Amino acid sequence: MAKLAFQQTNLHLTLGSGEKLAALHGDMVIPLANIVGAEVLDSKWWMRLGLRVPGTGLPGVIIAGTYIWRKDRAFVCWHRGQQVLQINLTGRNYTRLVIGVDDAEKWVDTITMYITSC
């Protein structure tokens, strides 16, 4: 499972080896200054991702990788049974991160607290 952690002024996204393989991507470090906000997505979130380039997609089982649609570029790492957290970004290669977590509401509150206290 992808792990999120705050260290100083950065949000660290650490992927497991299987997730790295599925997403064809490594770990990420995002400065808090580039995070605009966070939200919990509904159950049909995967229908609005766009074209997968590259990654893995089995809707309902695993969705991982880079997805593009017009000016939107999302990095996704989600497995069945997880809630869906979206982290909105600015000034980065991606416009948003869509991450599977156990408690999405808690992460929204935590991210909001960190970005408003900077």
PDB file of N, CA and C in Angstrom:
ATOM      1  N   MET A   1       0.839  -1.169   0.000  1.00  0.00           N
ATOM      2  CA  MET A   1       0.000   0.000   0.000  1.00  0.00           C
ATOM      3  C   MET A   1       0.889   1.239   0.000  1.00  0.00           C
ATOM      4  N   ALA A   2       0.481   2.251  -0.743  1.00  0.00           N
ATOM      5  CA  ALA A   2       1.205   3.518  -0.771  1.00  0.00           C
ATOM      6  C   ALA A   2       1.146   4.149   0.622  1.00  0.00           C
ATOM      7  N   LYS A   3       2.247   4.766   1.015  1.00  0.00           N
ATOM      8  CA  LYS A   3       2.315   5.396   2.335  1.00  0.00           C
ATOM      9  C   LYS A   3       2.592   6.883   2.167  1.00  0.00           C
ATOM     10  N   LEU A   4       1.845   7.685   2.899  1.00  0.00           N
ATOM     11  CA  LEU A   4       2.042   9.133   2.924  1.00  0.00           C
ATOM     12  C   LEU A   4       2.640   9.509   4.266  1.00  0.00           C
ATOM     13  N   ALA A   5       3.589  10.453   4.249  1.00  0.00           N
ATOM     14  CA  ALA A   5       4.206  10.931   5.487  1.00  0.00           C
ATOM     15  C   ALA A   5       4.700  12.346   5.276  1.00  0.00           C
ATOM     16  N   PHE A   6       4.566  13.163   6.305  1.00  0.00           N
ATOM     17  CA  PHE A   6       5.088  14.520   6.263  1.00  0.00           C
ATOM     18  C   PHE A   6       6.456  14.549   6.912  1.00  0.00           C
ATOM     19  N   GLN A   7       7.413  15.192   6.250  1.00  0.00           N
ATOM     20  CA  GLN A   7       8.742  15.392   6.804  1.00  0.00           C
ATOM     21  C   GLN A   7       9.137  16.825   6.508  1.00  0.00           C
ATOM     22  N   GLN A   8       9.250  17.615   7.552  1.00  0.00           N
ATOM     23  CA  GLN A   8       9.574  19.034   7.468  1.00  0.00           C
ATOM     24  C   GLN A   8       8.569  19.739   6.556  1.00  0.00           C
ATOM     25  N   THR A   9       8.970  20.228   5.410  1.00  0.00           N
ATOM     26  CA  THR A   9       8.074  20.976   4.530  1.00  0.00           C
ATOM     27  C   THR A   9       7.720  20.188   3.274  1.00  0.00           C
ATOM     28  N   ASN A  10       7.752  18.861   3.367  1.00  0.00           N
ATOM     29  CA  ASN A  10       7.458  18.008   2.218  1.00  0.00           C
ATOM     30  C   ASN A  10       6.474  16.902   2.585  1.00  0.00           C
ATOM     31  N   LEU A  11       5.716  16.458   1.590  1.00  0.00           N
ATOM     32  CA  LEU A  11       4.883  15.276   1.707  1.00  0.00           C
ATOM     33  C   LEU A  11       5.578  14.177   0.924  1.00  0.00           C
ATOM     34  N   HIS A  12       5.851  13.059   1.589  1.00  0.00           N
ATOM     35  CA  HIS A  12       6.531  11.931   0.951  1.00  0.00           C
ATOM     36  C   HIS A  12       5.502  10.859   0.610  1.00  0.00           C
ATOM     37  N   LEU A  13       5.506  10.426  -0.650  1.00  0.00           N
ATOM     38  CA  LEU A  13       4.684   9.315  -1.105  1.00  0.00           C
ATOM     39  C   LEU A  13       5.625   8.155  -1.383  1.00  0.00           C
ATOM     40  N   THR A  14       5.500   7.094  -0.582  1.00  0.00           N
ATOM     41  CA  THR A  14       6.359   5.924  -0.719  1.00  0.00           C
ATOM     42  C   THR A  14       5.522   4.774  -1.258  1.00  0.00           C
ATOM     43  N   LEU A  15       5.976   4.187  -2.349  1.00  0.00           N
ATOM     44  CA  LEU A  15       5.270   3.080  -2.990  1.00  0.00           C
ATOM     45  C   LEU A  15       5.968   1.763  -2.677  1.00  0.00           C
ATOM     46  N   GLY A  16       5.179   0.706  -2.558  1.00  0.00           N
ATOM     47  CA  GLY A  16       5.747  -0.632  -2.416  1.00  0.00           C
ATOM     48  C   GLY A  16       6.313  -1.093  -3.752  1.00  0.00           C
ATOM     49  N   SER A  17       7.076  -2.165  -3.749  1.00  0.00           N
ATOM     50  CA  SER A  17       7.710  -2.630  -4.990  1.00  0.00           C
ATOM     51  C   SER A  17       6.673  -3.037  -6.036  1.00  0.00           C
ATOM     52  N   GLY A  18       5.576  -3.668  -5.631  1.00  0.00           N
ATOM     53  CA  GLY A  18       4.520  -4.031  -6.567  1.00  0.00           C
ATOM     54  C   GLY A  18       3.839  -2.814  -7.157  1.00  0.00           C
ATOM     55  N   GLU A  19       3.663  -1.784  -6.341  1.00  0.00           N
ATOM     56  CA  GLU A  19       3.044  -0.546  -6.814  1.00  0.00           C
ATOM     57  C   GLU A  19       3.960   0.195  -7.785  1.00  0.00           C
ATOM     58  N   LYS A  20       5.256   0.173  -7.497  1.00  0.00           N
ATOM     59  CA  LYS A  20       6.209   0.792  -8.414  1.00  0.00           C
ATOM     60  C   LYS A  20       6.164   0.108  -9.776  1.00  0.00           C
ATOM     61  N   LEU A  21       6.064  -1.203  -9.763  1.00  0.00           N
ATOM     62  CA  LEU A  21       5.988  -1.964 -11.004  1.00  0.00           C
ATOM     63  C   LEU A  21       4.680  -1.668 -11.744  1.00  0.00           C
ATOM     64  N   ALA A  22       3.563  -1.664 -11.027  1.00  0.00           N
ATOM     65  CA  ALA A  22       2.257  -1.412 -11.652  1.00  0.00           C
ATOM     66  C   ALA A  22       2.151   0.008 -12.198  1.00  0.00           C
ATOM     67  N   ALA A  23       2.693   0.971 -11.466  1.00  0.00           N
ATOM     68  CA  ALA A  23       2.593   2.372 -11.871  1.00  0.00           C
ATOM     69  C   ALA A  23       3.716   2.803 -12.806  1.00  0.00           C
ATOM     70  N   LEU A  24       4.769   1.983 -12.879  1.00  0.00           N
ATOM     71  CA  LEU A  24       5.969   2.359 -13.638  1.00  0.00           C
ATOM     72  C   LEU A  24       6.478   3.725 -13.181  1.00  0.00           C
ATOM     73  N   HIS A  25       6.558   3.864 -11.865  1.00  0.00           N
ATOM     74  CA  HIS A  25       6.961   5.135 -11.258  1.00  0.00           C
ATOM     75  C   HIS A  25       7.580   4.851  -9.899  1.00  0.00           C
ATOM     76  N   GLY A  26       8.400   5.745  -9.429  1.00  0.00           N
ATOM     77  CA  GLY A  26       9.021   5.602  -8.119  1.00  0.00           C
ATOM     78  C   GLY A  26       8.353   6.468  -7.065  1.00  0.00           C
ATOM     79  N   ASP A  27       8.996   6.567  -5.914  1.00  0.00           N
ATOM     80  CA  ASP A  27       8.508   7.387  -4.816  1.00  0.00           C
ATOM     81  C   ASP A  27       8.518   8.863  -5.215  1.00  0.00           C
ATOM     82  N   MET A  28       7.732   9.675  -4.498  1.00  0.00           N
ATOM     83  CA  MET A  28       7.649  11.109  -4.785  1.00  0.00           C
ATOM     84  C   MET A  28       7.840  11.924  -3.518  1.00  0.00           C
ATOM     85  N   VAL A  29       8.395  13.106  -3.703  1.00  0.00           N
ATOM     86  CA  VAL A  29       8.498  14.094  -2.632  1.00  0.00           C
ATOM     87  C   VAL A  29       7.856  15.369  -3.164  1.00  0.00           C
ATOM     88  N   ILE A  30       6.805  15.841  -2.487  1.00  0.00           N
ATOM     89  CA  ILE A  30       6.070  17.016  -2.932  1.00  0.00           C
ATOM     90  C   ILE A  30       6.205  18.106  -1.879  1.00  0.00           C
ATOM     91  N   PRO A  31       6.768  19.266  -2.244  1.00  0.00           N
ATOM     92  CA  PRO A  31       6.826  20.382  -1.298  1.00  0.00           C
ATOM     93  C   PRO A  31       5.407  20.833  -0.919  1.00  0.00           C
ATOM     94  N   LEU A  32       5.203  21.169   0.340  1.00  0.00           N
ATOM     95  CA  LEU A  32       3.890  21.617   0.793  1.00  0.00           C
ATOM     96  C   LEU A  32       3.429  22.857   0.033  1.00  0.00           C
ATOM     97  N   ALA A  33       4.365  23.666  -0.437  1.00  0.00           N
ATOM     98  CA  ALA A  33       4.017  24.870  -1.194  1.00  0.00           C
ATOM     99  C   ALA A  33       3.315  24.539  -2.505  1.00  0.00           C
ATOM    100  N   ASN A  34       3.471  23.328  -3.009  1.00  0.00           N
ATOM    101  CA  ASN A  34       2.839  22.914  -4.263  1.00  0.00           C
ATOM    102  C   ASN A  34       1.500  22.209  -4.062  1.00  0.00           C
ATOM    103  N   ILE A  35       1.078  22.037  -2.816  1.00  0.00           N
ATOM    104  CA  ILE A  35      -0.200  21.385  -2.532  1.00  0.00           C
ATOM    105  C   ILE A  35      -1.267  22.456  -2.347  1.00  0.00           C
ATOM    106  N   VAL A  36      -2.322  22.375  -3.168  1.00  0.00           N
ATOM    107  CA  VAL A  36      -3.410  23.357  -3.138  1.00  0.00           C
ATOM    108  C   VAL A  36      -4.517  22.916  -2.190  1.00  0.00           C
ATOM    109  N   GLY A  37      -4.756  21.609  -2.105  1.00  0.00           N
ATOM    110  CA  GLY A  37      -5.821  21.090  -1.256  1.00  0.00           C
ATOM    111  C   GLY A  37      -5.948  19.591  -1.415  1.00  0.00           C
ATOM    112  N   ALA A  38      -6.935  19.038  -0.713  1.00  0.00           N
ATOM    113  CA  ALA A  38      -7.174  17.593  -0.770  1.00  0.00           C
ATOM    114  C   ALA A  38      -8.663  17.341  -0.617  1.00  0.00           C
ATOM    115  N   GLU A  39      -9.118  16.211  -1.179  1.00  0.00           N
ATOM    116  CA  GLU A  39     -10.529  15.858  -1.082  1.00  0.00           C
ATOM    117  C   GLU A  39     -10.696  14.349  -1.208  1.00  0.00           C
ATOM    118  N   VAL A  40     -11.844  13.872  -0.743  1.00  0.00           N
ATOM    119  CA  VAL A  40     -12.202  12.467  -0.871  1.00  0.00           C
ATOM    120  C   VAL A  40     -13.024  12.333  -2.144  1.00  0.00           C
ATOM    121  N   LEU A  41     -12.707  11.335  -2.976  1.00  0.00           N
ATOM    122  CA  LEU A  41     -13.430  11.140  -4.234  1.00  0.00           C
ATOM    123  C   LEU A  41     -14.555  10.124  -4.079  1.00  0.00           C
ATOM    124  N   ASP A  42     -15.566  10.243  -4.944  1.00  0.00           N
ATOM    125  CA  ASP A  42     -16.715   9.330  -4.901  1.00  0.00           C
ATOM    126  C   ASP A  42     -16.389   7.990  -5.560  1.00  0.00           C
ATOM    127  N   SER A  43     -17.356   7.111  -5.607  1.00  0.00           N
ATOM    128  CA  SER A  43     -17.117   5.754  -6.099  1.00  0.00           C
ATOM    129  C   SER A  43     -16.883   5.665  -7.607  1.00  0.00           C
ATOM    130  N   LYS A  44     -17.222   6.664  -8.373  1.00  0.00           N
ATOM    131  CA  LYS A  44     -17.024   6.655  -9.835  1.00  0.00           C
ATOM    132  C   LYS A  44     -15.801   7.466 -10.256  1.00  0.00           C
ATOM    133  N   TRP A  45     -14.870   7.695  -9.354  1.00  0.00           N
ATOM    134  CA  TRP A  45     -13.701   8.536  -9.612  1.00  0.00           C
ATOM    135  C   TRP A  45     -12.874   8.036 -10.787  1.00  0.00           C
ATOM    136  N   TRP A  46     -12.773   6.744 -10.966  1.00  0.00           N
ATOM    137  CA  TRP A  46     -11.919   6.163 -12.003  1.00  0.00           C
ATOM    138  C   TRP A  46     -12.436   6.437 -13.416  1.00  0.00           C
ATOM    139  N   MET A  47     -13.705   6.805 -13.560  1.00  0.00           N
ATOM    140  CA  MET A  47     -14.273   7.073 -14.882  1.00  0.00           C
ATOM    141  C   MET A  47     -13.812   8.407 -15.466  1.00  0.00           C
ATOM    142  N   ARG A  48     -13.219   9.264 -14.637  1.00  0.00           N
ATOM    143  CA  ARG A  48     -12.790  10.596 -15.076  1.00  0.00           C
ATOM    144  C   ARG A  48     -11.272  10.740 -15.141  1.00  0.00           C
ATOM    145  N   LEU A  49     -10.570   9.644 -15.298  1.00  0.00           N
ATOM    146  CA  LEU A  49      -9.110   9.706 -15.305  1.00  0.00           C
ATOM    147  C   LEU A  49      -8.520  10.067 -16.659  1.00  0.00           C
ATOM    148  N   GLY A  50      -9.071   9.562 -17.717  1.00  0.00           N
ATOM    149  CA  GLY A  50      -8.516   9.811 -19.039  1.00  0.00           C
ATOM    150  C   GLY A  50      -7.673   8.648 -19.535  1.00  0.00           C
ATOM    151  N   LEU A  51      -6.662   8.966 -20.318  1.00  0.00           N
ATOM    152  CA  LEU A  51      -5.812   7.977 -20.982  1.00  0.00           C
ATOM    153  C   LEU A  51      -4.643   7.581 -20.086  1.00  0.00           C
ATOM    154  N   ARG A  52      -4.423   6.289 -19.930  1.00  0.00           N
ATOM    155  CA  ARG A  52      -3.327   5.779 -19.090  1.00  0.00           C
ATOM    156  C   ARG A  52      -2.048   5.720 -19.913  1.00  0.00           C
ATOM    157  N   VAL A  53      -1.030   6.468 -19.464  1.00  0.00           N
ATOM    158  CA  VAL A  53       0.243   6.511 -20.197  1.00  0.00           C
ATOM    159  C   VAL A  53       1.395   6.688 -19.222  1.00  0.00           C
ATOM    160  N   PRO A  54       2.101   5.779 -18.754  1.00  0.00           N
ATOM    161  CA  PRO A  54       1.925   4.336 -18.695  1.00  0.00           C
ATOM    162  C   PRO A  54       1.307   3.944 -17.366  1.00  0.00           C
ATOM    163  N   GLY A  55       1.056   2.657 -17.191  1.00  0.00           N
ATOM    164  CA  GLY A  55       0.515   2.176 -15.934  1.00  0.00           C
ATOM    165  C   GLY A  55      -0.292   0.911 -16.099  1.00  0.00           C
ATOM    166  N   THR A  56      -1.066   0.601 -15.052  1.00  0.00           N
ATOM    167  CA  THR A  56      -1.872  -0.613 -14.998  1.00  0.00           C
ATOM    168  C   THR A  56      -3.294  -0.230 -14.646  1.00  0.00           C
ATOM    169  N   GLY A  57      -4.254  -0.832 -15.307  1.00  0.00           N
ATOM    170  CA  GLY A  57      -5.639  -0.526 -15.000  1.00  0.00           C
ATOM    171  C   GLY A  57      -6.557  -1.719 -15.116  1.00  0.00           C
ATOM    172  N   LEU A  58      -7.057  -2.171 -13.993  1.00  0.00           N
ATOM    173  CA  LEU A  58      -8.108  -3.184 -13.924  1.00  0.00           C
ATOM    174  C   LEU A  58      -9.182  -2.600 -13.011  1.00  0.00           C
ATOM    175  N   PRO A  59     -10.148  -1.837 -13.575  1.00  0.00           N
ATOM    176  CA  PRO A  59     -11.140  -1.152 -12.737  1.00  0.00           C
ATOM    177  C   PRO A  59     -11.775  -2.095 -11.715  1.00  0.00           C
ATOM    178  N   GLY A  60     -11.816  -1.623 -10.497  1.00  0.00           N
ATOM    179  CA  GLY A  60     -12.337  -2.416  -9.396  1.00  0.00           C
ATOM    180  C   GLY A  60     -11.300  -3.263  -8.700  1.00  0.00           C
ATOM    181  N   VAL A  61     -10.093  -3.394  -9.287  1.00  0.00           N
ATOM    182  CA  VAL A  61      -9.040  -4.214  -8.692  1.00  0.00           C
ATOM    183  C   VAL A  61      -7.803  -3.372  -8.383  1.00  0.00           C
ATOM    184  N   ILE A  62      -7.197  -2.792  -9.407  1.00  0.00           N
ATOM    185  CA  ILE A  62      -6.012  -1.943  -9.240  1.00  0.00           C
ATOM    186  C   ILE A  62      -5.979  -0.903 -10.353  1.00  0.00           C
ATOM    187  N   ILE A  63      -5.654   0.305  -9.976  1.00  0.00           N
ATOM    188  CA  ILE A  63      -5.442   1.383 -10.940  1.00  0.00           C
ATOM    189  C   ILE A  63      -4.180   2.100 -10.493  1.00  0.00           C
ATOM    190  N   ALA A  64      -3.170   2.124 -11.364  1.00  0.00           N
ATOM    191  CA  ALA A  64      -1.888   2.726 -11.000  1.00  0.00           C
ATOM    192  C   ALA A  64      -1.220   3.284 -12.242  1.00  0.00           C
ATOM    193  N   GLY A  65      -0.567   4.423 -12.089  1.00  0.00           N
ATOM    194  CA  GLY A  65       0.186   5.005 -13.191  1.00  0.00           C
ATOM    195  C   GLY A  65      -0.182   6.447 -13.447  1.00  0.00           C
ATOM    196  N   THR A  66       0.203   6.924 -14.624  1.00  0.00           N
ATOM    197  CA  THR A  66      -0.045   8.298 -15.041  1.00  0.00           C
ATOM    198  C   THR A  66      -1.241   8.316 -15.987  1.00  0.00           C
ATOM    199  N   TYR A  67      -2.172   9.213 -15.723  1.00  0.00           N
ATOM    200  CA  TYR A  67      -3.366   9.369 -16.544  1.00  0.00           C
ATOM    201  C   TYR A  67      -3.454  10.815 -17.008  1.00  0.00           C
ATOM    202  N   ILE A  68      -3.723  10.998 -18.296  1.00  0.00           N
ATOM    203  CA  ILE A  68      -3.812  12.360 -18.836  1.00  0.00           C
ATOM    204  C   ILE A  68      -5.157  12.568 -19.530  1.00  0.00           C
ATOM    205  N   TRP A  69      -5.668  13.779 -19.413  1.00  0.00           N
ATOM    206  CA  TRP A  69      -6.882  14.191 -20.093  1.00  0.00           C
ATOM    207  C   TRP A  69      -6.846  15.703 -20.223  1.00  0.00           C
ATOM    208  N   ARG A  70      -6.688  16.171 -21.446  1.00  0.00           N
ATOM    209  CA  ARG A  70      -6.564  17.594 -21.747  1.00  0.00           C
ATOM    210  C   ARG A  70      -5.439  18.191 -20.909  1.00  0.00           C
ATOM    211  N   LYS A  71      -5.726  19.150 -20.037  1.00  0.00           N
ATOM    212  CA  LYS A  71      -4.663  19.779 -19.233  1.00  0.00           C
ATOM    213  C   LYS A  71      -4.483  19.113 -17.872  1.00  0.00           C
ATOM    214  N   ASP A  72      -5.205  18.012 -17.634  1.00  0.00           N
ATOM    215  CA  ASP A  72      -5.111  17.293 -16.366  1.00  0.00           C
ATOM    216  C   ASP A  72      -4.107  16.150 -16.511  1.00  0.00           C
ATOM    217  N   ARG A  73      -3.218  16.037 -15.538  1.00  0.00           N
ATOM    218  CA  ARG A  73      -2.236  14.948 -15.507  1.00  0.00           C
ATOM    219  C   ARG A  73      -2.226  14.413 -14.082  1.00  0.00           C
ATOM    220  N   ALA A  74      -2.722  13.190 -13.899  1.00  0.00           N
ATOM    221  CA  ALA A  74      -2.881  12.611 -12.567  1.00  0.00           C
ATOM    222  C   ALA A  74      -1.969  11.409 -12.382  1.00  0.00           C
ATOM    223  N   PHE A  75      -1.391  11.312 -11.190  1.00  0.00           N
ATOM    224  CA  PHE A  75      -0.697  10.088 -10.796  1.00  0.00           C
ATOM    225  C   PHE A  75      -1.649   9.338  -9.878  1.00  0.00           C
ATOM    226  N   VAL A  76      -1.876   8.057 -10.181  1.00  0.00           N
ATOM    227  CA  VAL A  76      -2.853   7.250  -9.448  1.00  0.00           C
ATOM    228  C   VAL A  76      -2.189   6.005  -8.883  1.00  0.00           C
ATOM    229  N   CYS A  77      -2.536   5.673  -7.638  1.00  0.00           N
ATOM    230  CA  CYS A  77      -2.091   4.426  -7.019  1.00  0.00           C
ATOM    231  C   CYS A  77      -3.193   3.982  -6.057  1.00  0.00           C
ATOM    232  N   TRP A  78      -4.023   3.035  -6.517  1.00  0.00           N
ATOM    233  CA  TRP A  78      -5.185   2.584  -5.754  1.00  0.00           C
ATOM    234  C   TRP A  78      -5.376   1.082  -5.912  1.00  0.00           C
ATOM    235  N   HIS A  79      -5.810   0.420  -4.816  1.00  0.00           N
ATOM    236  CA  HIS A  79      -6.147  -1.013  -4.806  1.00  0.00           C
ATOM    237  C   HIS A  79      -7.571  -1.175  -4.278  1.00  0.00           C
ATOM    238  N   ARG A  80      -8.206  -2.255  -4.650  1.00  0.00           N
ATOM    239  CA  ARG A  80      -9.561  -2.539  -4.161  1.00  0.00           C
ATOM    240  C   ARG A  80      -9.591  -2.508  -2.631  1.00  0.00           C
ATOM    241  N   GLY A  81     -10.666  -1.953  -2.107  1.00  0.00           N
ATOM    242  CA  GLY A  81     -10.857  -1.905  -0.659  1.00  0.00           C
ATOM    243  C   GLY A  81     -10.344  -0.636  -0.009  1.00  0.00           C
ATOM    244  N   GLN A  82      -9.699   0.222  -0.770  1.00  0.00           N
ATOM    245  CA  GLN A  82      -9.167   1.460  -0.204  1.00  0.00           C
ATOM    246  C   GLN A  82     -10.092   2.634  -0.521  1.00  0.00           C
ATOM    247  N   GLN A  83     -10.097   3.615   0.364  1.00  0.00           N
ATOM    248  CA  GLN A  83     -10.765   4.877   0.082  1.00  0.00           C
ATOM    249  C   GLN A  83      -9.866   5.684  -0.847  1.00  0.00           C
ATOM    250  N   VAL A  84     -10.435   6.696  -1.495  1.00  0.00           N
ATOM    251  CA  VAL A  84      -9.682   7.435  -2.513  1.00  0.00           C
ATOM    252  C   VAL A  84      -9.468   8.882  -2.079  1.00  0.00           C
ATOM    253  N   LEU A  85      -8.202   9.245  -1.946  1.00  0.00           N
ATOM    254  CA  LEU A  85      -7.785  10.593  -1.578  1.00  0.00           C
ATOM    255  C   LEU A  85      -7.204  11.274  -2.810  1.00  0.00           C
ATOM    256  N   GLN A  86      -7.688  12.485  -3.099  1.00  0.00           N
ATOM    257  CA  GLN A  86      -7.101  13.277  -4.180  1.00  0.00           C
ATOM    258  C   GLN A  86      -6.370  14.465  -3.580  1.00  0.00           C
ATOM    259  N   ILE A  87      -5.104  14.631  -3.972  1.00  0.00           N
ATOM    260  CA  ILE A  87      -4.295  15.767  -3.531  1.00  0.00           C
ATOM    261  C   ILE A  87      -4.075  16.656  -4.748  1.00  0.00           C
ATOM    262  N   ASN A  88      -4.590  17.874  -4.693  1.00  0.00           N
ATOM    263  CA  ASN A  88      -4.491  18.813  -5.809  1.00  0.00           C
ATOM    264  C   ASN A  88      -3.174  19.564  -5.741  1.00  0.00           C
ATOM    265  N   LEU A  89      -2.495  19.654  -6.886  1.00  0.00           N
ATOM    266  CA  LEU A  89      -1.156  20.242  -6.941  1.00  0.00           C
ATOM    267  C   LEU A  89      -1.103  21.419  -7.909  1.00  0.00           C
ATOM    268  N   THR A  90      -0.099  22.245  -7.721  1.00  0.00           N
ATOM    269  CA  THR A  90       0.202  23.328  -8.642  1.00  0.00           C
ATOM    270  C   THR A  90       1.711  23.408  -8.811  1.00  0.00           C
ATOM    271  N   GLY A  91       2.160  23.812  -9.984  1.00  0.00           N
ATOM    272  CA  GLY A  91       3.589  23.986 -10.219  1.00  0.00           C
ATOM    273  C   GLY A  91       4.383  22.691 -10.241  1.00  0.00           C
ATOM    274  N   ARG A  92       3.730  21.582 -10.525  1.00  0.00           N
ATOM    275  CA  ARG A  92       4.388  20.271 -10.562  1.00  0.00           C
ATOM    276  C   ARG A  92       4.116  19.605 -11.903  1.00  0.00           C
ATOM    277  N   ASN A  93       4.759  18.485 -12.130  1.00  0.00           N
ATOM    278  CA  ASN A  93       4.533  17.685 -13.330  1.00  0.00           C
ATOM    279  C   ASN A  93       3.094  17.166 -13.374  1.00  0.00           C
ATOM    280  N   TYR A  94       2.522  16.903 -12.206  1.00  0.00           N
ATOM    281  CA  TYR A  94       1.155  16.407 -12.095  1.00  0.00           C
ATOM    282  C   TYR A  94       0.247  17.492 -11.544  1.00  0.00           C
ATOM    283  N   THR A  95      -1.032  17.473 -11.969  1.00  0.00           N
ATOM    284  CA  THR A  95      -2.016  18.402 -11.420  1.00  0.00           C
ATOM    285  C   THR A  95      -2.704  17.829 -10.192  1.00  0.00           C
ATOM    286  N   ARG A  96      -2.608  16.496 -10.027  1.00  0.00           N
ATOM    287  CA  ARG A  96      -3.208  15.858  -8.851  1.00  0.00           C
ATOM    288  C   ARG A  96      -2.625  14.467  -8.633  1.00  0.00           C
ATOM    289  N   LEU A  97      -2.682  14.049  -7.381  1.00  0.00           N
ATOM    290  CA  LEU A  97      -2.335  12.682  -6.990  1.00  0.00           C
ATOM    291  C   LEU A  97      -3.624  12.027  -6.514  1.00  0.00           C
ATOM    292  N   VAL A  98      -3.897  10.827  -6.975  1.00  0.00           N
ATOM    293  CA  VAL A  98      -5.067  10.074  -6.533  1.00  0.00           C
ATOM    294  C   VAL A  98      -4.520   8.808  -5.871  1.00  0.00           C
ATOM    295  N   ILE A  99      -4.661   8.752  -4.552  1.00  0.00           N
ATOM    296  CA  ILE A  99      -4.001   7.729  -3.762  1.00  0.00           C
ATOM    297  C   ILE A  99      -5.029   6.942  -2.947  1.00  0.00           C
ATOM    298  N   GLY A 100      -4.881   5.640  -2.907  1.00  0.00           N
ATOM    299  CA  GLY A 100      -5.712   4.791  -2.066  1.00  0.00           C
ATOM    300  C   GLY A 100      -5.173   4.793  -0.642  1.00  0.00           C
ATOM    301  N   VAL A 101      -6.047   5.106   0.314  1.00  0.00           N
ATOM    302  CA  VAL A 101      -5.659   5.159   1.731  1.00  0.00           C
ATOM    303  C   VAL A 101      -6.753   4.495   2.569  1.00  0.00           C
ATOM    304  N   ASP A 102      -6.450   4.237   3.836  1.00  0.00           N
ATOM    305  CA  ASP A 102      -7.430   3.626   4.722  1.00  0.00           C
ATOM    306  C   ASP A 102      -8.443   4.626   5.263  1.00  0.00           C
ATOM    307  N   ASP A 103      -8.013   5.846   5.582  1.00  0.00           N
ATOM    308  CA  ASP A 103      -8.904   6.855   6.165  1.00  0.00           C
ATOM    309  C   ASP A 103      -8.737   8.180   5.413  1.00  0.00           C
ATOM    310  N   ALA A 104      -9.449   8.329   4.313  1.00  0.00           N
ATOM    311  CA  ALA A 104      -9.292   9.498   3.445  1.00  0.00           C
ATOM    312  C   ALA A 104      -9.681  10.800   4.141  1.00  0.00           C
ATOM    313  N   GLU A 105     -10.749  10.788   4.937  1.00  0.00           N
ATOM    314  CA  GLU A 105     -11.187  12.017   5.636  1.00  0.00           C
ATOM    315  C   GLU A 105     -10.095  12.519   6.583  1.00  0.00           C
ATOM    316  N   LYS A 106      -9.451  11.611   7.288  1.00  0.00           N
ATOM    317  CA  LYS A 106      -8.366  11.993   8.202  1.00  0.00           C
ATOM    318  C   LYS A 106      -7.225  12.634   7.427  1.00  0.00           C
ATOM    319  N   TRP A 107      -6.890  12.060   6.259  1.00  0.00           N
ATOM    320  CA  TRP A 107      -5.814  12.627   5.445  1.00  0.00           C
ATOM    321  C   TRP A 107      -6.179  13.999   4.896  1.00  0.00           C
ATOM    322  N   VAL A 108      -7.443  14.200   4.517  1.00  0.00           N
ATOM    323  CA  VAL A 108      -7.870  15.527   4.050  1.00  0.00           C
ATOM    324  C   VAL A 108      -7.664  16.545   5.161  1.00  0.00           C
ATOM    325  N   ASP A 109      -8.078  16.221   6.374  1.00  0.00           N
ATOM    326  CA  ASP A 109      -7.909  17.129   7.515  1.00  0.00           C
ATOM    327  C   ASP A 109      -6.431  17.390   7.798  1.00  0.00           C
ATOM    328  N   THR A 110      -5.608  16.348   7.761  1.00  0.00           N
ATOM    329  CA  THR A 110      -4.178  16.494   8.044  1.00  0.00           C
ATOM    330  C   THR A 110      -3.495  17.349   6.983  1.00  0.00           C
ATOM    331  N   ILE A 111      -3.769  17.091   5.726  1.00  0.00           N
ATOM    332  CA  ILE A 111      -3.153  17.871   4.639  1.00  0.00           C
ATOM    333  C   ILE A 111      -3.594  19.327   4.724  1.00  0.00           C
ATOM    334  N   THR A 112      -4.880  19.562   4.978  1.00  0.00           N
ATOM    335  CA  THR A 112      -5.373  20.933   5.105  1.00  0.00           C
ATOM    336  C   THR A 112      -4.677  21.659   6.243  1.00  0.00           C
ATOM    337  N   MET A 113      -4.474  20.962   7.371  1.00  0.00           N
ATOM    338  CA  MET A 113      -3.785  21.579   8.502  1.00  0.00           C
ATOM    339  C   MET A 113      -2.355  21.954   8.128  1.00  0.00           C
ATOM    340  N   TYR A 114      -1.638  21.049   7.455  1.00  0.00           N
ATOM    341  CA  TYR A 114      -0.247  21.313   7.072  1.00  0.00           C
ATOM    342  C   TYR A 114      -0.131  22.466   6.075  1.00  0.00           C
ATOM    343  N   ILE A 115      -0.996  22.517   5.078  1.00  0.00           N
ATOM    344  CA  ILE A 115      -0.841  23.567   4.056  1.00  0.00           C
ATOM    345  C   ILE A 115      -1.302  24.917   4.551  1.00  0.00           C
ATOM    346  N   THR A 116      -2.191  24.965   5.540  1.00  0.00           N
ATOM    347  CA  THR A 116      -2.625  26.256   6.072  1.00  0.00           C
ATOM    348  C   THR A 116      -1.656  26.773   7.137  1.00  0.00           C
ATOM    349  N   SER A 117      -0.845  25.887   7.689  1.00  0.00           N
ATOM    350  CA  SER A 117       0.117  26.328   8.718  1.00  0.00           C
ATOM    351  C   SER A 117       1.464  26.744   8.143  1.00  0.00           C
ATOM    352  N   CYS A 118       1.673  26.575   6.838  1.00  0.00           N
ATOM    353  CA  CYS A 118       2.952  26.952   6.208  1.00  0.00           C
ATOM    354  C   CYS A 118       3.085  28.443   6.076  1.00  0.00           C
TER     355      CYS A 118
END
